[in-house]
């Protein structure tokens, strides 16, 4: 098991062309500043319980501010049997740096 990272440019292409579940694990205050369009907000503290009710065969991309918390969420998902899991490398910092937009939640 090894964490799979995805870069912002690849994720941007996937959002429109691949069936993914994009999960924002930041806290509520962070999300108020903007979220990647199409993402679902699940705070990191709620991830373990949330994963219990999800399809283990679906494709998930987790992200946070810089990629640390989302890496932990992605690793947890892998450890409990999720097979298609990615972490957004660099989080929203990298997303913004690549020139991609956010939407208000």
N, C-alpha and C. Protein backbone atom coordinates (compact mmCIF):
# COMPACT_ATOMS: atom_id res chain seq x y z
N UNK A 1 0.84 -1.18 0.00
CA UNK A 1 0.00 0.00 0.00
C UNK A 1 0.89 1.24 0.00
N UNK A 2 0.71 2.09 -0.97
CA UNK A 2 1.45 3.35 -0.98
C UNK A 2 0.51 4.45 -1.45
N UNK A 3 0.67 5.59 -0.84
CA UNK A 3 -0.19 6.72 -1.14
C UNK A 3 0.01 7.19 -2.58
N UNK A 4 -1.10 7.35 -3.30
CA UNK A 4 -1.06 7.88 -4.67
C UNK A 4 -1.39 9.36 -4.61
N UNK A 5 -0.50 10.17 -5.12
CA UNK A 5 -0.74 11.61 -5.19
C UNK A 5 -1.17 11.98 -6.59
N UNK A 6 -1.95 13.05 -6.68
CA UNK A 6 -2.38 13.59 -7.96
C UNK A 6 -2.04 15.08 -7.97
N UNK A 7 -1.55 15.55 -9.09
CA UNK A 7 -1.21 16.97 -9.22
C UNK A 7 -2.45 17.76 -9.61
N UNK A 8 -2.42 19.05 -9.36
CA UNK A 8 -3.57 19.93 -9.63
C UNK A 8 -4.02 19.87 -11.09
N UNK A 9 -3.08 19.90 -12.03
CA UNK A 9 -3.46 19.91 -13.44
C UNK A 9 -4.17 18.60 -13.84
N UNK A 10 -3.68 17.49 -13.31
CA UNK A 10 -4.34 16.21 -13.60
C UNK A 10 -5.73 16.17 -12.98
N UNK A 11 -5.85 16.63 -11.72
CA UNK A 11 -7.15 16.65 -11.07
C UNK A 11 -8.13 17.53 -11.83
N UNK A 12 -7.68 18.67 -12.31
CA UNK A 12 -8.56 19.55 -13.06
C UNK A 12 -9.14 18.83 -14.28
N UNK A 13 -8.34 18.04 -14.95
CA UNK A 13 -8.83 17.25 -16.08
C UNK A 13 -9.80 16.17 -15.65
N UNK A 14 -9.51 15.55 -14.52
CA UNK A 14 -10.38 14.48 -14.01
C UNK A 14 -11.76 15.00 -13.62
N UNK A 15 -11.82 16.20 -13.06
CA UNK A 15 -13.09 16.73 -12.57
C UNK A 15 -14.15 16.71 -13.67
N UNK A 16 -13.75 17.01 -14.88
CA UNK A 16 -14.71 17.06 -15.98
C UNK A 16 -14.84 15.76 -16.76
N UNK A 17 -13.88 14.85 -16.60
CA UNK A 17 -13.85 13.68 -17.47
C UNK A 17 -13.83 12.33 -16.76
N UNK A 18 -13.82 12.31 -15.45
CA UNK A 18 -13.74 11.05 -14.73
C UNK A 18 -14.72 11.08 -13.57
N UNK A 19 -15.29 9.95 -13.26
CA UNK A 19 -16.23 9.86 -12.15
C UNK A 19 -15.45 9.75 -10.85
N UNK A 20 -15.27 10.88 -10.17
CA UNK A 20 -14.53 10.90 -8.90
C UNK A 20 -15.37 11.53 -7.81
N UNK A 21 -15.03 11.19 -6.58
CA UNK A 21 -15.59 11.86 -5.42
C UNK A 21 -14.46 12.70 -4.84
N UNK A 22 -14.64 14.01 -4.86
CA UNK A 22 -13.64 14.95 -4.40
C UNK A 22 -14.01 15.37 -2.98
N UNK A 23 -13.13 15.09 -2.02
CA UNK A 23 -13.43 15.29 -0.60
C UNK A 23 -12.49 16.32 0.01
N UNK A 24 -13.07 17.41 0.51
CA UNK A 24 -12.34 18.47 1.19
C UNK A 24 -12.36 18.16 2.68
N UNK A 25 -11.19 17.88 3.27
CA UNK A 25 -11.12 17.49 4.68
C UNK A 25 -10.74 18.66 5.60
N UNK A 26 -10.72 19.87 5.08
CA UNK A 26 -10.37 21.04 5.91
C UNK A 26 -11.48 21.32 6.91
N UNK A 27 -11.18 22.19 7.88
CA UNK A 27 -12.21 22.55 8.86
C UNK A 27 -13.17 23.57 8.25
N UNK A 28 -14.28 23.78 8.91
CA UNK A 28 -15.35 24.63 8.39
C UNK A 28 -14.88 26.05 8.10
N UNK A 29 -14.07 26.62 8.98
CA UNK A 29 -13.59 27.98 8.76
C UNK A 29 -12.76 28.09 7.48
N UNK A 30 -11.95 27.08 7.20
CA UNK A 30 -11.13 27.09 5.99
C UNK A 30 -12.00 27.01 4.74
N UNK A 31 -13.02 26.19 4.80
CA UNK A 31 -13.90 25.95 3.65
C UNK A 31 -14.70 27.21 3.30
N UNK A 32 -14.97 28.05 4.29
CA UNK A 32 -15.73 29.28 4.04
C UNK A 32 -15.01 30.20 3.05
N UNK A 33 -13.70 30.07 2.92
CA UNK A 33 -12.92 30.88 1.98
C UNK A 33 -13.02 30.39 0.54
N UNK A 34 -13.53 29.17 0.36
CA UNK A 34 -13.69 28.61 -0.98
C UNK A 34 -13.38 27.14 -0.99
N UNK A 35 -13.99 26.46 -1.95
CA UNK A 35 -13.88 25.02 -2.09
C UNK A 35 -13.72 24.72 -3.58
N UNK A 36 -13.06 23.62 -3.91
CA UNK A 36 -12.96 23.23 -5.31
C UNK A 36 -14.35 22.80 -5.78
N UNK A 37 -14.77 23.32 -6.90
CA UNK A 37 -16.11 23.02 -7.42
C UNK A 37 -16.35 21.51 -7.52
N UNK A 38 -17.47 21.08 -6.99
CA UNK A 38 -17.85 19.68 -7.03
C UNK A 38 -17.41 18.89 -5.81
N UNK A 39 -16.63 19.51 -4.93
CA UNK A 39 -16.14 18.81 -3.74
C UNK A 39 -17.22 18.71 -2.67
N UNK A 40 -17.06 17.69 -1.84
CA UNK A 40 -17.91 17.50 -0.66
C UNK A 40 -17.03 17.80 0.55
N UNK A 41 -17.58 18.57 1.49
CA UNK A 41 -16.82 18.90 2.70
C UNK A 41 -17.09 17.85 3.78
N UNK A 42 -16.03 17.15 4.18
CA UNK A 42 -16.09 16.20 5.30
C UNK A 42 -14.87 16.51 6.17
N UNK A 43 -15.06 17.21 7.30
CA UNK A 43 -13.92 17.55 8.15
C UNK A 43 -13.11 16.30 8.51
N UNK A 44 -11.80 16.47 8.63
CA UNK A 44 -10.91 15.34 8.90
C UNK A 44 -11.37 14.52 10.10
N UNK A 45 -11.91 15.18 11.11
CA UNK A 45 -12.36 14.46 12.31
C UNK A 45 -13.53 13.52 12.04
N UNK A 46 -14.28 13.79 10.97
CA UNK A 46 -15.45 12.98 10.63
C UNK A 46 -15.14 11.89 9.60
N UNK A 47 -13.94 11.88 9.06
CA UNK A 47 -13.58 10.94 7.98
C UNK A 47 -13.77 9.47 8.37
N UNK A 48 -13.28 9.01 9.52
CA UNK A 48 -13.44 7.58 9.83
C UNK A 48 -14.90 7.11 9.78
N UNK A 49 -15.78 7.86 10.40
CA UNK A 49 -17.21 7.49 10.39
C UNK A 49 -17.80 7.63 8.99
N UNK A 50 -17.43 8.67 8.27
CA UNK A 50 -17.94 8.90 6.92
C UNK A 50 -17.55 7.76 6.00
N UNK A 51 -16.31 7.29 6.10
CA UNK A 51 -15.83 6.20 5.24
C UNK A 51 -16.64 4.92 5.43
N UNK A 52 -17.15 4.71 6.63
CA UNK A 52 -17.94 3.50 6.92
C UNK A 52 -19.15 3.36 5.99
N UNK A 53 -19.63 4.47 5.45
CA UNK A 53 -20.85 4.45 4.64
C UNK A 53 -20.59 4.70 3.16
N UNK A 54 -19.33 4.54 2.71
CA UNK A 54 -18.99 4.85 1.33
C UNK A 54 -18.66 3.59 0.53
N UNK A 55 -18.75 3.71 -0.78
CA UNK A 55 -18.45 2.63 -1.71
C UNK A 55 -16.94 2.48 -1.83
N UNK A 56 -16.41 1.32 -1.44
CA UNK A 56 -14.98 1.09 -1.46
C UNK A 56 -14.40 0.97 -2.87
N UNK A 57 -15.26 0.83 -3.87
CA UNK A 57 -14.79 0.68 -5.26
C UNK A 57 -14.76 2.00 -6.02
N UNK A 58 -15.34 3.06 -5.46
CA UNK A 58 -15.38 4.36 -6.14
C UNK A 58 -13.99 5.01 -6.10
N UNK A 59 -13.81 6.04 -6.92
CA UNK A 59 -12.56 6.79 -6.97
C UNK A 59 -12.69 8.03 -6.09
N UNK A 60 -11.77 8.17 -5.13
CA UNK A 60 -11.78 9.29 -4.19
C UNK A 60 -10.51 10.11 -4.33
N UNK A 61 -10.67 11.43 -4.29
CA UNK A 61 -9.53 12.34 -4.21
C UNK A 61 -9.76 13.22 -2.99
N UNK A 62 -8.84 13.12 -2.03
CA UNK A 62 -8.91 13.91 -0.81
C UNK A 62 -7.99 15.11 -0.94
N UNK A 63 -8.42 16.24 -0.35
CA UNK A 63 -7.54 17.40 -0.32
C UNK A 63 -7.76 18.23 0.94
N UNK A 64 -6.74 19.00 1.28
CA UNK A 64 -6.82 19.92 2.41
C UNK A 64 -6.03 21.18 2.04
N UNK A 65 -5.48 21.86 3.02
CA UNK A 65 -4.76 23.11 2.75
C UNK A 65 -3.44 22.85 2.03
N UNK A 66 -2.64 21.91 2.57
CA UNK A 66 -1.31 21.68 2.00
C UNK A 66 -1.04 20.22 1.62
N UNK A 67 -1.96 19.33 1.92
CA UNK A 67 -1.79 17.93 1.53
C UNK A 67 -1.45 16.98 2.66
N UNK A 68 -1.29 17.48 3.89
CA UNK A 68 -0.93 16.62 5.01
C UNK A 68 -2.15 15.89 5.58
N UNK A 69 -3.18 16.64 5.94
CA UNK A 69 -4.39 16.00 6.50
C UNK A 69 -5.06 15.09 5.48
N UNK A 70 -5.10 15.54 4.24
CA UNK A 70 -5.74 14.72 3.21
C UNK A 70 -4.94 13.45 2.94
N UNK A 71 -3.62 13.50 3.09
CA UNK A 71 -2.80 12.29 2.94
C UNK A 71 -3.19 11.29 4.02
N UNK A 72 -3.40 11.78 5.23
CA UNK A 72 -3.81 10.89 6.32
C UNK A 72 -5.18 10.28 6.04
N UNK A 73 -6.10 11.06 5.51
CA UNK A 73 -7.43 10.55 5.17
C UNK A 73 -7.33 9.49 4.07
N UNK A 74 -6.51 9.76 3.06
CA UNK A 74 -6.34 8.81 1.95
C UNK A 74 -5.71 7.51 2.44
N UNK A 75 -4.71 7.61 3.30
CA UNK A 75 -4.07 6.41 3.85
C UNK A 75 -5.05 5.59 4.68
N UNK A 76 -5.88 6.27 5.48
CA UNK A 76 -6.89 5.56 6.26
C UNK A 76 -7.85 4.81 5.34
N UNK A 77 -8.29 5.48 4.29
CA UNK A 77 -9.20 4.83 3.34
C UNK A 77 -8.56 3.58 2.73
N UNK A 78 -7.30 3.69 2.34
CA UNK A 78 -6.59 2.54 1.79
C UNK A 78 -6.48 1.41 2.81
N UNK A 79 -6.17 1.76 4.05
CA UNK A 79 -5.99 0.76 5.10
C UNK A 79 -7.27 -0.04 5.36
N UNK A 80 -8.42 0.57 5.15
CA UNK A 80 -9.68 -0.16 5.42
C UNK A 80 -10.30 -0.73 4.15
N UNK A 81 -9.53 -0.74 3.06
CA UNK A 81 -9.95 -1.47 1.88
C UNK A 81 -10.44 -0.69 0.68
N UNK A 82 -10.32 0.63 0.70
CA UNK A 82 -10.68 1.42 -0.48
C UNK A 82 -9.56 1.24 -1.51
N UNK A 83 -9.93 1.04 -2.77
CA UNK A 83 -8.93 0.66 -3.76
C UNK A 83 -8.47 1.77 -4.69
N UNK A 84 -9.24 2.83 -4.85
CA UNK A 84 -8.92 3.87 -5.83
C UNK A 84 -8.92 5.23 -5.13
N UNK A 85 -7.82 5.52 -4.43
CA UNK A 85 -7.74 6.68 -3.54
C UNK A 85 -6.52 7.53 -3.90
N UNK A 86 -6.73 8.84 -3.92
CA UNK A 86 -5.65 9.78 -4.25
C UNK A 86 -5.64 10.94 -3.26
N UNK A 87 -4.47 11.56 -3.13
CA UNK A 87 -4.29 12.76 -2.33
C UNK A 87 -3.86 13.88 -3.29
N UNK A 88 -4.50 15.04 -3.17
CA UNK A 88 -4.09 16.19 -3.99
C UNK A 88 -2.78 16.72 -3.45
N UNK A 89 -1.73 16.53 -4.20
CA UNK A 89 -0.40 16.96 -3.81
C UNK A 89 -0.37 18.48 -3.64
N UNK A 90 0.01 18.93 -2.45
CA UNK A 90 0.10 20.37 -2.20
C UNK A 90 -1.20 21.03 -1.82
N UNK A 91 -2.31 20.28 -1.82
CA UNK A 91 -3.60 20.80 -1.39
C UNK A 91 -4.08 22.03 -2.16
N UNK A 92 -4.90 22.83 -1.47
CA UNK A 92 -5.45 24.01 -2.13
C UNK A 92 -4.38 25.05 -2.44
N UNK A 93 -3.27 24.99 -1.72
CA UNK A 93 -2.17 25.91 -2.05
C UNK A 93 -1.67 25.64 -3.47
N UNK A 94 -1.46 24.38 -3.79
CA UNK A 94 -1.00 24.01 -5.13
C UNK A 94 -2.08 24.27 -6.18
N UNK A 95 -3.34 24.00 -5.83
CA UNK A 95 -4.47 24.24 -6.73
C UNK A 95 -4.51 25.73 -7.12
N UNK A 96 -4.41 26.59 -6.12
CA UNK A 96 -4.43 28.04 -6.36
C UNK A 96 -3.19 28.47 -7.15
N UNK A 97 -2.03 27.95 -6.78
CA UNK A 97 -0.79 28.30 -7.46
C UNK A 97 -0.83 27.91 -8.95
N UNK A 98 -1.56 26.83 -9.26
CA UNK A 98 -1.69 26.38 -10.65
C UNK A 98 -2.69 27.23 -11.42
N UNK A 99 -3.36 28.16 -10.73
CA UNK A 99 -4.27 29.09 -11.40
C UNK A 99 -5.72 28.63 -11.47
N UNK A 100 -6.06 27.60 -10.71
CA UNK A 100 -7.43 27.09 -10.75
C UNK A 100 -8.30 27.81 -9.71
N UNK A 101 -9.58 27.84 -9.99
CA UNK A 101 -10.54 28.62 -9.20
C UNK A 101 -11.15 27.82 -8.05
N UNK A 102 -11.74 28.57 -7.15
CA UNK A 102 -12.53 28.03 -6.05
C UNK A 102 -13.94 28.57 -6.17
N UNK A 103 -14.86 27.88 -5.52
CA UNK A 103 -16.24 28.36 -5.47
C UNK A 103 -16.61 28.50 -4.00
N UNK A 104 -17.61 29.30 -3.72
CA UNK A 104 -18.08 29.44 -2.33
C UNK A 104 -18.94 28.24 -2.00
N UNK A 105 -18.81 27.77 -0.78
CA UNK A 105 -19.59 26.60 -0.35
C UNK A 105 -21.03 27.02 -0.16
